[in-house]
């Protein structure tokens, strides 16, 4: 029998609410994040993502609700608590006159158990930039420095706000690998991004925030299953036509070009089973040709979810 104690969530919120005058930035945000998880928070512009994350970071007060981050209320946190948290903000540091090495050493000195600077500069390909002043860094180099500063304190909890904006594909992939390694070592990561492929590659779970309310939460892969149907497409061998399909299938079938037929399927397995059963009942050669099932992308699913809420557009 497993006698281990259940783990206390790294982040736990109930009924969090924040308003600015007549604007309800966060109206209902109940969430729970476990140790070592990578959780993405998605939502259209103005959904309340920044406000919610800043409440979790202790940078903004809430009007109502309960919040626990690393076992403490962020509104009443101390320096020891802040030393356990790292953050990569959307807009990085403006200390242009420092060199990369000076910035890293200064930030490392704020923490009781910082990571090895040598390890960080190698991981983020900053080795040849250590003596360069921040003002002389390109946008991509500066973003890598922002990430280095966010992890130099060896945080237990890391907030990443658009971490790979402005980076080329190769560097983005290397950052993804680094984020995965951090999570594997036990760092809990909260990610906000408008790159849906980034969410798909990184996030164990995803939360979608619309008008300040979490409208969907679950495993990232399940977002596709819950929010957008699969598409079953096939051809029909002459003389069979869509009119010959059983009523239940025929009512769902739509032309798909080049004489093919498409059926949107919440359960593609059931559709295929029904098609095969029907095909077996037809005399002669199998009337179905080139049967294909197209799974929705995460972006398709996300857009479909927003469409069913308030018709919001994809975050940009």
C-alpha atoms as a PDB file:
ATOM      1  CA  UNK A   1       0.000   0.000   0.000  1.00  0.00           C
ATOM      2  CA  UNK A   2       1.240   3.484  -0.898  1.00  0.00           C
ATOM      3  CA  UNK A   3       1.668   5.404   2.353  1.00  0.00           C
ATOM      4  CA  UNK A   4       3.194   8.547   0.862  1.00  0.00           C
ATOM      5  CA  UNK A   5       1.499  11.822   1.721  1.00  0.00           C
ATOM      6  CA  UNK A   6      -0.352  13.616  -1.106  1.00  0.00           C
ATOM      7  CA  UNK A   7       1.672  16.485  -2.533  1.00  0.00           C
ATOM      8  CA  UNK A   8       0.557  20.030  -1.729  1.00  0.00           C
ATOM      9  CA  UNK A   9      -0.115  21.925  -4.993  1.00  0.00           C
ATOM     10  CA  UNK A  10       2.524  24.446  -5.995  1.00  0.00           C
ATOM     11  CA  UNK A  11      -0.286  26.816  -7.030  1.00  0.00           C
ATOM     12  CA  UNK A  12      -3.868  26.707  -5.800  1.00  0.00           C
ATOM     13  CA  UNK A  13      -6.536  29.372  -6.328  1.00  0.00           C
ATOM     14  CA  UNK A  14     -10.244  29.557  -5.565  1.00  0.00           C
ATOM     15  CA  UNK A  15     -12.689  32.281  -6.608  1.00  0.00           C
ATOM     16  CA  UNK A  16     -10.012  34.796  -7.592  1.00  0.00           C
ATOM     17  CA  UNK A  17     -11.505  38.091  -8.739  1.00  0.00           C
ATOM     18  CA  UNK A  18     -10.003  41.403  -9.825  1.00  0.00           C
ATOM     19  CA  UNK A  19     -11.769  44.440 -11.268  1.00  0.00           C
ATOM     20  CA  UNK A  20     -10.586  47.829 -12.515  1.00  0.00           C
ATOM     21  CA  UNK A  21     -13.558  50.127 -12.180  1.00  0.00           C
ATOM     22  CA  UNK A  22     -16.189  48.651 -14.483  1.00  0.00           C
ATOM     23  CA  UNK A  23     -13.727  46.254 -16.137  1.00  0.00           C
ATOM     24  CA  UNK A  24     -13.775  42.701 -14.763  1.00  0.00           C
ATOM     25  CA  UNK A  25     -10.241  41.530 -15.521  1.00  0.00           C
ATOM     26  CA  UNK A  26     -10.538  38.252 -13.599  1.00  0.00           C
ATOM     27  CA  UNK A  27     -14.001  37.048 -12.618  1.00  0.00           C
ATOM     28  CA  UNK A  28     -13.544  33.376 -11.824  1.00  0.00           C
ATOM     29  CA  UNK A  29     -10.199  31.631 -11.734  1.00  0.00           C
ATOM     30  CA  UNK A  30      -9.945  28.318  -9.924  1.00  0.00           C
ATOM     31  CA  UNK A  31      -6.785  26.444 -10.753  1.00  0.00           C
ATOM     32  CA  UNK A  32      -4.324  23.966  -9.339  1.00  0.00           C
ATOM     33  CA  UNK A  33      -0.778  23.294 -10.511  1.00  0.00           C
ATOM     34  CA  UNK A  34       1.381  20.422  -9.279  1.00  0.00           C
ATOM     35  CA  UNK A  35       5.126  20.119  -8.823  1.00  0.00           C
ATOM     36  CA  UNK A  36       7.068  19.751 -12.077  1.00  0.00           C
ATOM     37  CA  UNK A  37       4.090  20.525 -14.300  1.00  0.00           C
ATOM     38  CA  UNK A  38       4.240  22.810 -17.305  1.00  0.00           C
ATOM     39  CA  UNK A  39       0.905  24.605 -17.496  1.00  0.00           C
ATOM     40  CA  UNK A  40      -0.005  26.977 -20.324  1.00  0.00           C
ATOM     41  CA  UNK A  41      -2.518  29.790 -19.886  1.00  0.00           C
ATOM     42  CA  UNK A  42      -4.111  30.771 -23.187  1.00  0.00           C
ATOM     43  CA  UNK A  43      -6.669  33.399 -24.041  1.00  0.00           C
ATOM     44  CA  UNK A  44      -7.409  36.290 -26.392  1.00  0.00           C
ATOM     45  CA  UNK A  45      -6.122  39.779 -25.736  1.00  0.00           C
ATOM     46  CA  UNK A  46      -7.847  41.274 -22.713  1.00  0.00           C
ATOM     47  CA  UNK A  47      -8.797  37.871 -21.318  1.00  0.00           C
ATOM     48  CA  UNK A  48      -7.095  38.566 -17.982  1.00  0.00           C
ATOM     49  CA  UNK A  49      -3.977  36.414 -18.398  1.00  0.00           C
ATOM     50  CA  UNK A  50      -1.522  39.102 -17.317  1.00  0.00           C
ATOM     51  CA  UNK A  51      -3.627  40.113 -14.314  1.00  0.00           C
ATOM     52  CA  UNK A  52      -3.983  36.503 -13.167  1.00  0.00           C
ATOM     53  CA  UNK A  53      -0.261  35.769 -13.513  1.00  0.00           C
ATOM     54  CA  UNK A  54       0.689  38.981 -11.716  1.00  0.00           C
ATOM     55  CA  UNK A  55      -1.596  37.987  -8.831  1.00  0.00           C
ATOM     56  CA  UNK A  56       0.212  34.641  -8.653  1.00  0.00           C
ATOM     57  CA  UNK A  57       3.582  36.410  -8.732  1.00  0.00           C
ATOM     58  CA  UNK A  58       2.564  38.733  -5.909  1.00  0.00           C
ATOM     59  CA  UNK A  59       2.816  41.792  -8.153  1.00  0.00           C
ATOM     60  CA  UNK A  60      -0.891  42.629  -8.086  1.00  0.00           C
ATOM     61  CA  UNK A  61      -3.557  42.498  -5.391  1.00  0.00           C
ATOM     62  CA  UNK A  62      -6.813  40.589  -5.847  1.00  0.00           C
ATOM     63  CA  UNK A  63     -10.242  41.799  -4.816  1.00  0.00           C
ATOM     64  CA  UNK A  64     -11.489  38.438  -3.626  1.00  0.00           C
ATOM     65  CA  UNK A  65     -10.635  34.736  -3.490  1.00  0.00           C
ATOM     66  CA  UNK A  66      -7.948  32.501  -2.045  1.00  0.00           C
ATOM     67  CA  UNK A  67      -4.444  32.095  -3.494  1.00  0.00           C
ATOM     68  CA  UNK A  68      -1.627  29.819  -2.359  1.00  0.00           C
ATOM     69  CA  UNK A  69       1.709  29.794  -4.207  1.00  0.00           C
ATOM     70  CA  UNK A  70       4.499  27.657  -2.789  1.00  0.00           C
ATOM     71  CA  UNK A  71       2.413  27.378   0.370  1.00  0.00           C
ATOM     72  CA  UNK A  72       2.036  31.125   0.928  1.00  0.00           C
ATOM     73  CA  UNK A  73      -0.350  33.920  -0.001  1.00  0.00           C
ATOM     74  CA  UNK A  74       1.607  36.016  -2.550  1.00  0.00           C
ATOM     75  CA  UNK A  75       0.129  39.227  -1.131  1.00  0.00           C
ATOM     76  CA  UNK A  76       1.908  38.564   2.153  1.00  0.00           C
ATOM     77  CA  UNK A  77       5.110  37.010   0.833  1.00  0.00           C
ATOM     78  CA  UNK A  78       8.622  37.743   2.022  1.00  0.00           C
ATOM     79  CA  UNK A  79      12.075  37.810   0.468  1.00  0.00           C
ATOM     80  CA  UNK A  80      12.622  34.101   1.117  1.00  0.00           C
ATOM     81  CA  UNK A  81       9.443  33.300  -0.828  1.00  0.00           C
ATOM     82  CA  UNK A  82      10.414  35.569  -3.734  1.00  0.00           C
ATOM     83  CA  UNK A  83      13.808  33.861  -3.944  1.00  0.00           C
ATOM     84  CA  UNK A  84      12.001  30.629  -4.832  1.00  0.00           C
ATOM     85  CA  UNK A  85      10.346  32.168  -7.907  1.00  0.00           C
ATOM     86  CA  UNK A  86      11.723  33.113 -11.305  1.00  0.00           C
ATOM     87  CA  UNK A  87      10.045  35.182 -14.007  1.00  0.00           C
ATOM     88  CA  UNK A  88      10.724  35.893 -17.653  1.00  0.00           C
ATOM     89  CA  UNK A  89       8.607  38.918 -18.524  1.00  0.00           C
ATOM     90  CA  UNK A  90       7.387  39.798 -22.002  1.00  0.00           C
ATOM     91  CA  UNK A  91       9.551  42.903 -21.970  1.00  0.00           C
ATOM     92  CA  UNK A  92      13.052  42.389 -20.656  1.00  0.00           C
ATOM     93  CA  UNK A  93      15.495  44.421 -18.652  1.00  0.00           C
ATOM     94  CA  UNK A  94      16.493  47.967 -19.613  1.00  0.00           C
ATOM     95  CA  UNK A  95      19.904  47.958 -17.882  1.00  0.00           C
ATOM     96  CA  UNK A  96      21.663  48.555 -21.169  1.00  0.00           C
ATOM     97  CA  UNK A  97      25.090  49.553 -19.858  1.00  0.00           C
ATOM     98  CA  UNK A  98      25.833  46.280 -18.036  1.00  0.00           C
ATOM     99  CA  UNK A  99      27.496  43.382 -19.789  1.00  0.00           C
ATOM    100  CA  UNK A 100      25.825  39.987 -20.020  1.00  0.00           C
ATOM    101  CA  UNK A 101      28.221  38.534 -17.438  1.00  0.00           C
ATOM    102  CA  UNK A 102      27.655  41.442 -15.050  1.00  0.00           C
ATOM    103  CA  UNK A 103      23.891  41.022 -15.299  1.00  0.00           C
ATOM    104  CA  UNK A 104      24.086  37.301 -14.598  1.00  0.00           C
ATOM    105  CA  UNK A 105      26.443  37.712 -11.627  1.00  0.00           C
ATOM    106  CA  UNK A 106      24.303  40.490 -10.140  1.00  0.00           C
ATOM    107  CA  UNK A 107      21.101  38.457 -10.404  1.00  0.00           C
ATOM    108  CA  UNK A 108      22.748  35.314  -9.083  1.00  0.00           C
ATOM    109  CA  UNK A 109      23.846  37.227  -5.974  1.00  0.00           C
ATOM    110  CA  UNK A 110      20.196  37.807  -5.019  1.00  0.00           C
ATOM    111  CA  UNK A 111      19.529  34.103  -4.453  1.00  0.00           C
ATOM    112  CA  UNK A 112      20.728  31.669  -1.785  1.00  0.00           C
ATOM    113  CA  UNK A 113      21.336  28.737  -4.173  1.00  0.00           C
ATOM    114  CA  UNK A 114      21.816  30.084  -7.706  1.00  0.00           C
ATOM    115  CA  UNK A 115      22.496  27.902 -10.707  1.00  0.00           C
ATOM    116  CA  UNK A 116      25.939  27.726 -12.256  1.00  0.00           C
ATOM    117  CA  UNK A 117      26.442  30.725 -14.535  1.00  0.00           C
ATOM    118  CA  UNK A 118      28.735  28.634 -16.719  1.00  0.00           C
ATOM    119  CA  UNK A 119      25.975  26.086 -17.171  1.00  0.00           C
ATOM    120  CA  UNK A 120      23.431  28.767 -18.036  1.00  0.00           C
ATOM    121  CA  UNK A 121      25.559  30.561 -20.627  1.00  0.00           C
ATOM    122  CA  UNK A 122      26.269  27.223 -22.303  1.00  0.00           C
ATOM    123  CA  UNK A 123      22.610  26.193 -22.300  1.00  0.00           C
ATOM    124  CA  UNK A 124      21.485  29.510 -23.792  1.00  0.00           C
ATOM    125  CA  UNK A 125      24.420  29.976 -26.160  1.00  0.00           C
ATOM    126  CA  UNK A 126      25.603  33.142 -24.412  1.00  0.00           C
ATOM    127  CA  UNK A 127      29.218  32.077 -23.987  1.00  0.00           C
ATOM    128  CA  UNK A 128      30.588  34.433 -26.675  1.00  0.00           C
ATOM    129  CA  UNK A 129      28.369  37.307 -25.525  1.00  0.00           C
ATOM    130  CA  UNK A 130      29.411  37.536 -21.887  1.00  0.00           C
ATOM    131  CA  UNK A 131      31.493  40.695 -22.360  1.00  0.00           C
ATOM    132  CA  UNK A 132      28.976  42.414 -24.627  1.00  0.00           C
ATOM    133  CA  UNK A 133      26.855  45.224 -23.221  1.00  0.00           C
ATOM    134  CA  UNK A 134      23.133  44.597 -23.163  1.00  0.00           C
ATOM    135  CA  UNK A 135      22.442  47.555 -25.454  1.00  0.00           C
ATOM    136  CA  UNK A 136      24.487  45.854 -28.182  1.00  0.00           C
ATOM    137  CA  UNK A 137      22.523  42.612 -28.129  1.00  0.00           C
ATOM    138  CA  UNK A 138      20.131  41.729 -30.915  1.00  0.00           C
ATOM    139  CA  UNK A 139      16.488  41.081 -30.065  1.00  0.00           C
ATOM    140  CA  UNK A 140      16.997  37.330 -30.033  1.00  0.00           C
ATOM    141  CA  UNK A 141      20.174  37.544 -27.941  1.00  0.00           C
ATOM    142  CA  UNK A 142      18.436  39.822 -25.478  1.00  0.00           C
ATOM    143  CA  UNK A 143      15.564  37.380 -25.144  1.00  0.00           C
ATOM    144  CA  UNK A 144      17.999  34.574 -24.354  1.00  0.00           C
ATOM    145  CA  UNK A 145      19.516  36.798 -21.653  1.00  0.00           C
ATOM    146  CA  UNK A 146      16.028  37.414 -20.212  1.00  0.00           C
ATOM    147  CA  UNK A 147      15.532  33.658 -19.917  1.00  0.00           C
ATOM    148  CA  UNK A 148      18.977  33.236 -18.350  1.00  0.00           C
ATOM    149  CA  UNK A 149      18.129  35.878 -15.734  1.00  0.00           C
ATOM    150  CA  UNK A 150      14.821  34.149 -15.039  1.00  0.00           C
ATOM    151  CA  UNK A 151      16.426  30.805 -14.232  1.00  0.00           C
ATOM    152  CA  UNK A 152      19.717  31.876 -12.637  1.00  0.00           C
ATOM    153  CA  UNK A 153      18.138  31.799  -9.169  1.00  0.00           C
ATOM    154  CA  UNK A 154      17.345  28.085  -9.569  1.00  0.00           C
ATOM    155  CA  UNK A 155      13.613  28.725  -8.989  1.00  0.00           C
ATOM    156  CA  UNK A 156      11.102  26.151  -7.807  1.00  0.00           C
ATOM    157  CA  UNK A 157       8.432  27.991  -9.785  1.00  0.00           C
ATOM    158  CA  UNK A 158       9.084  29.754 -13.088  1.00  0.00           C
ATOM    159  CA  UNK A 159       6.725  32.136 -14.896  1.00  0.00           C
ATOM    160  CA  UNK A 160       7.376  32.464 -18.633  1.00  0.00           C
ATOM    161  CA  UNK A 161       5.594  35.250 -20.514  1.00  0.00           C
ATOM    162  CA  UNK A 162       6.050  34.849 -24.286  1.00  0.00           C
ATOM    163  CA  UNK A 163       9.514  33.351 -23.734  1.00  0.00           C
ATOM    164  CA  UNK A 164      10.471  32.721 -27.371  1.00  0.00           C
ATOM    165  CA  UNK A 165       9.093  35.828 -29.063  1.00  0.00           C
ATOM    166  CA  UNK A 166      11.568  37.075 -31.653  1.00  0.00           C
ATOM    167  CA  UNK A 167      13.681  33.912 -31.683  1.00  0.00           C
ATOM    168  CA  UNK A 168      14.389  31.890 -34.799  1.00  0.00           C
ATOM    169  CA  UNK A 169      13.177  28.302 -35.108  1.00  0.00           C
ATOM    170  CA  UNK A 170      16.471  26.684 -34.072  1.00  0.00           C
ATOM    171  CA  UNK A 171      16.836  28.788 -30.922  1.00  0.00           C
ATOM    172  CA  UNK A 172      13.171  28.285 -30.045  1.00  0.00           C
ATOM    173  CA  UNK A 173      13.691  24.525 -30.125  1.00  0.00           C
ATOM    174  CA  UNK A 174      16.738  24.785 -27.883  1.00  0.00           C
ATOM    175  CA  UNK A 175      14.728  26.882 -25.413  1.00  0.00           C
ATOM    176  CA  UNK A 176      11.974  24.266 -25.454  1.00  0.00           C
ATOM    177  CA  UNK A 177      14.523  21.575 -24.596  1.00  0.00           C
ATOM    178  CA  UNK A 178      15.809  23.693 -21.713  1.00  0.00           C
ATOM    179  CA  UNK A 179      12.283  24.247 -20.381  1.00  0.00           C
ATOM    180  CA  UNK A 180      11.595  20.516 -20.527  1.00  0.00           C
ATOM    181  CA  UNK A 181      14.838  19.777 -18.645  1.00  0.00           C
ATOM    182  CA  UNK A 182      13.872  22.268 -15.943  1.00  0.00           C
ATOM    183  CA  UNK A 183      10.490  20.590 -15.513  1.00  0.00           C
ATOM    184  CA  UNK A 184      12.133  17.161 -15.434  1.00  0.00           C
ATOM    185  CA  UNK A 185      14.296  18.393 -12.543  1.00  0.00           C
ATOM    186  CA  UNK A 186      11.170  19.440 -10.641  1.00  0.00           C
ATOM    187  CA  UNK A 187      10.707  23.099 -11.598  1.00  0.00           C
ATOM    188  CA  UNK A 188       7.048  24.017 -11.996  1.00  0.00           C
ATOM    189  CA  UNK A 189       6.431  26.255 -15.015  1.00  0.00           C
ATOM    190  CA  UNK A 190       3.528  28.549 -15.881  1.00  0.00           C
ATOM    191  CA  UNK A 191       3.651  29.566 -19.540  1.00  0.00           C
ATOM    192  CA  UNK A 192       1.772  32.247 -21.449  1.00  0.00           C
ATOM    193  CA  UNK A 193       2.344  32.343 -25.187  1.00  0.00           C
ATOM    194  CA  UNK A 194       0.528  32.969 -28.449  1.00  0.00           C
ATOM    195  CA  UNK A 195       2.504  30.200 -30.216  1.00  0.00           C
ATOM    196  CA  UNK A 196       0.165  27.209 -30.242  1.00  0.00           C
ATOM    197  CA  UNK A 197       2.959  24.899 -31.411  1.00  0.00           C
ATOM    198  CA  UNK A 198       4.883  25.941 -28.296  1.00  0.00           C
ATOM    199  CA  UNK A 199       1.952  24.933 -26.116  1.00  0.00           C
ATOM    200  CA  UNK A 200       1.641  21.634 -27.974  1.00  0.00           C
ATOM    201  CA  UNK A 201       5.338  20.805 -27.497  1.00  0.00           C
ATOM    202  CA  UNK A 202       5.674  21.951 -23.888  1.00  0.00           C
ATOM    203  CA  UNK A 203       2.481  22.096 -21.868  1.00  0.00           C
ATOM    204  CA  UNK A 204       1.303  19.109 -19.847  1.00  0.00           C
ATOM    205  CA  UNK A 205      -1.935  20.949 -19.193  1.00  0.00           C
ATOM    206  CA  UNK A 206      -3.611  23.994 -20.695  1.00  0.00           C
ATOM    207  CA  UNK A 207      -6.061  26.509 -19.281  1.00  0.00           C
ATOM    208  CA  UNK A 208      -8.079  28.805 -21.537  1.00  0.00           C
ATOM    209  CA  UNK A 209      -9.117  32.135 -20.067  1.00  0.00           C
ATOM    210  CA  UNK A 210     -11.908  34.189 -21.680  1.00  0.00           C
ATOM    211  CA  UNK A 211     -13.304  37.387 -20.162  1.00  0.00           C
ATOM    212  CA  UNK A 212     -11.528  36.645 -16.901  1.00  0.00           C
ATOM    213  CA  UNK A 213     -12.990  33.161 -16.532  1.00  0.00           C
ATOM    214  CA  UNK A 214     -11.256  29.821 -17.059  1.00  0.00           C
ATOM    215  CA  UNK A 215     -13.543  28.229 -19.660  1.00  0.00           C
ATOM    216  CA  UNK A 216     -11.516  25.076 -20.232  1.00  0.00           C
ATOM    217  CA  UNK A 217      -8.773  23.206 -18.400  1.00  0.00           C
ATOM    218  CA  UNK A 218      -7.234  19.802 -18.912  1.00  0.00           C
ATOM    219  CA  UNK A 219      -4.453  17.874 -20.598  1.00  0.00           C
ATOM    220  CA  UNK A 220      -3.227  19.776 -23.638  1.00  0.00           C
ATOM    221  CA  UNK A 221      -3.834  16.865 -26.010  1.00  0.00           C
ATOM    222  CA  UNK A 222      -7.436  16.649 -24.793  1.00  0.00           C
ATOM    223  CA  UNK A 223      -8.152  20.208 -25.904  1.00  0.00           C
ATOM    224  CA  UNK A 224      -8.200  18.959 -29.496  1.00  0.00           C
ATOM    225  CA  UNK A 225     -10.608  16.157 -28.636  1.00  0.00           C
ATOM    226  CA  UNK A 226     -12.981  18.386 -26.675  1.00  0.00           C
ATOM    227  CA  UNK A 227     -13.072  21.465 -28.877  1.00  0.00           C
ATOM    228  CA  UNK A 228     -12.854  20.475 -32.557  1.00  0.00           C
ATOM    229  CA  UNK A 229     -14.090  17.442 -34.474  1.00  0.00           C
ATOM    230  CA  UNK A 230     -12.011  15.136 -36.637  1.00  0.00           C
ATOM    231  CA  UNK A 231     -12.781  15.044 -40.355  1.00  0.00           C
ATOM    232  CA  UNK A 232     -13.353  11.707 -42.098  1.00  0.00           C
ATOM    233  CA  UNK A 233     -12.969  12.029 -45.881  1.00  0.00           C
ATOM    234  CA  UNK A 234     -13.377   9.364 -48.562  1.00  0.00           C
ATOM    235  CA  UNK A 235     -14.220   8.763 -52.179  1.00  0.00           C
ATOM    236  CA  UNK A 236     -17.019   6.579 -53.560  1.00  0.00           C
ATOM    237  CA  UNK A 237     -16.499   4.166 -56.405  1.00  0.00           C
ATOM    238  CA  UNK A 238     -18.969   4.596 -59.297  1.00  0.00           C
ATOM    239  CA  UNK A 239     -21.871   3.895 -59.591  1.00  0.00           C
ATOM    240  CA  UNK A 240     -22.248   4.443 -55.827  1.00  0.00           C
ATOM    241  CA  UNK A 241     -22.920   8.088 -54.828  1.00  0.00           C
ATOM    242  CA  UNK A 242     -23.406  10.007 -51.548  1.00  0.00           C
ATOM    243  CA  UNK A 243     -27.152   9.542 -52.013  1.00  0.00           C
ATOM    244  CA  UNK A 244     -26.624   5.816 -51.390  1.00  0.00           C
ATOM    245  CA  UNK A 245     -25.146   6.352 -47.924  1.00  0.00           C
ATOM    246  CA  UNK A 246     -27.283   5.338 -44.943  1.00  0.00           C
ATOM    247  CA  UNK A 247     -29.477   8.181 -43.712  1.00  0.00           C
ATOM    248  CA  UNK A 248     -27.458   8.796 -40.532  1.00  0.00           C
ATOM    249  CA  UNK A 249     -24.227   9.155 -42.527  1.00  0.00           C
ATOM    250  CA  UNK A 250     -25.772  10.880 -45.522  1.00  0.00           C
ATOM    251  CA  UNK A 251     -27.183  13.661 -43.376  1.00  0.00           C
ATOM    252  CA  UNK A 252     -23.669  14.436 -42.083  1.00  0.00           C
ATOM    253  CA  UNK A 253     -21.853  14.074 -45.402  1.00  0.00           C
ATOM    254  CA  UNK A 254     -20.675  17.147 -47.291  1.00  0.00           C
ATOM    255  CA  UNK A 255     -18.856  17.478 -50.643  1.00  0.00           C
ATOM    256  CA  UNK A 256     -15.087  17.827 -50.176  1.00  0.00           C
ATOM    257  CA  UNK A 257     -13.906  18.495 -53.734  1.00  0.00           C
ATOM    258  CA  UNK A 258     -12.684  16.087 -56.414  1.00  0.00           C
ATOM    259  CA  UNK A 259     -15.771  13.966 -55.854  1.00  0.00           C
ATOM    260  CA  UNK A 260     -14.815  13.201 -52.254  1.00  0.00           C
ATOM    261  CA  UNK A 261     -17.097  13.262 -49.225  1.00  0.00           C
ATOM    262  CA  UNK A 262     -16.330  14.698 -45.759  1.00  0.00           C
ATOM    263  CA  UNK A 263     -17.984  13.952 -42.422  1.00  0.00           C
ATOM    264  CA  UNK A 264     -17.206  15.883 -39.233  1.00  0.00           C
ATOM    265  CA  UNK A 265     -16.842  13.327 -36.466  1.00  0.00           C
ATOM    266  CA  UNK A 266     -16.821  13.751 -32.723  1.00  0.00           C
ATOM    267  CA  UNK A 267     -16.078  10.013 -32.678  1.00  0.00           C
ATOM    268  CA  UNK A 268     -14.196   9.160 -35.876  1.00  0.00           C
ATOM    269  CA  UNK A 269     -13.917   5.499 -34.831  1.00  0.00           C
ATOM    270  CA  UNK A 270     -17.714   5.172 -34.814  1.00  0.00           C
ATOM    271  CA  UNK A 271     -18.051   6.881 -38.207  1.00  0.00           C
ATOM    272  CA  UNK A 272     -15.466   4.562 -39.754  1.00  0.00           C
ATOM    273  CA  UNK A 273     -17.146   1.528 -38.206  1.00  0.00           C
ATOM    274  CA  UNK A 274     -20.514   2.589 -39.649  1.00  0.00           C
ATOM    275  CA  UNK A 275     -18.940   3.196 -43.062  1.00  0.00           C
ATOM    276  CA  UNK A 276     -17.264  -0.213 -43.096  1.00  0.00           C
ATOM    277  CA  UNK A 277     -20.493  -1.930 -42.096  1.00  0.00           C
ATOM    278  CA  UNK A 278     -22.348  -0.153 -44.883  1.00  0.00           C
ATOM    279  CA  UNK A 279     -19.616  -0.894 -47.435  1.00  0.00           C
ATOM    280  CA  UNK A 280     -19.751  -4.596 -46.560  1.00  0.00           C
ATOM    281  CA  UNK A 281     -23.454  -4.616 -47.380  1.00  0.00           C
ATOM    282  CA  UNK A 282     -22.864  -3.339 -50.933  1.00  0.00           C
ATOM    283  CA  UNK A 283     -22.439  -5.974 -53.643  1.00  0.00           C
ATOM    284  CA  UNK A 284     -19.282  -5.845 -55.697  1.00  0.00           C
ATOM    285  CA  UNK A 285     -15.995  -4.035 -54.978  1.00  0.00           C
ATOM    286  CA  UNK A 286     -15.616  -1.967 -51.830  1.00  0.00           C
ATOM    287  CA  UNK A 287     -17.332   1.325 -52.736  1.00  0.00           C
ATOM    288  CA  UNK A 288     -15.113   3.368 -50.383  1.00  0.00           C
ATOM    289  CA  UNK A 289     -11.780   4.640 -51.685  1.00  0.00           C
ATOM    290  CA  UNK A 290      -8.934   6.579 -50.091  1.00  0.00           C
ATOM    291  CA  UNK A 291     -10.409   6.803 -46.587  1.00  0.00           C
ATOM    292  CA  UNK A 292      -8.594   9.398 -44.442  1.00  0.00           C
ATOM    293  CA  UNK A 293      -9.022  10.844 -40.962  1.00  0.00           C
ATOM    294  CA  UNK A 294      -7.728  14.376 -40.317  1.00  0.00           C
ATOM    295  CA  UNK A 295      -7.173  15.336 -36.684  1.00  0.00           C
ATOM    296  CA  UNK A 296      -7.668  19.008 -35.783  1.00  0.00           C
ATOM    297  CA  UNK A 297      -4.582  20.997 -34.897  1.00  0.00           C
ATOM    298  CA  UNK A 298      -4.332  22.577 -31.467  1.00  0.00           C
ATOM    299  CA  UNK A 299      -4.902  25.935 -33.137  1.00  0.00           C
ATOM    300  CA  UNK A 300      -8.094  24.611 -34.776  1.00  0.00           C
ATOM    301  CA  UNK A 301      -9.317  23.393 -31.395  1.00  0.00           C
ATOM    302  CA  UNK A 302      -8.414  26.632 -29.623  1.00  0.00           C
ATOM    303  CA  UNK A 303     -10.200  28.752 -32.215  1.00  0.00           C
ATOM    304  CA  UNK A 304     -13.237  26.464 -32.070  1.00  0.00           C
ATOM    305  CA  UNK A 305     -13.351  26.844 -28.294  1.00  0.00           C
ATOM    306  CA  UNK A 306     -13.174  30.626 -28.528  1.00  0.00           C
ATOM    307  CA  UNK A 307     -15.903  30.554 -31.175  1.00  0.00           C
ATOM    308  CA  UNK A 308     -18.206  28.726 -28.785  1.00  0.00           C
ATOM    309  CA  UNK A 309     -17.566  31.234 -26.000  1.00  0.00           C
ATOM    310  CA  UNK A 310     -17.570  34.837 -27.194  1.00  0.00           C
ATOM    311  CA  UNK A 311     -16.262  34.680 -30.739  1.00  0.00           C
ATOM    312  CA  UNK A 312     -12.827  35.919 -29.702  1.00  0.00           C
ATOM    313  CA  UNK A 313      -9.894  35.959 -32.106  1.00  0.00           C
ATOM    314  CA  UNK A 314      -6.652  34.126 -31.584  1.00  0.00           C
ATOM    315  CA  UNK A 315      -4.276  35.957 -29.255  1.00  0.00           C
ATOM    316  CA  UNK A 316      -1.646  37.937 -31.124  1.00  0.00           C
END
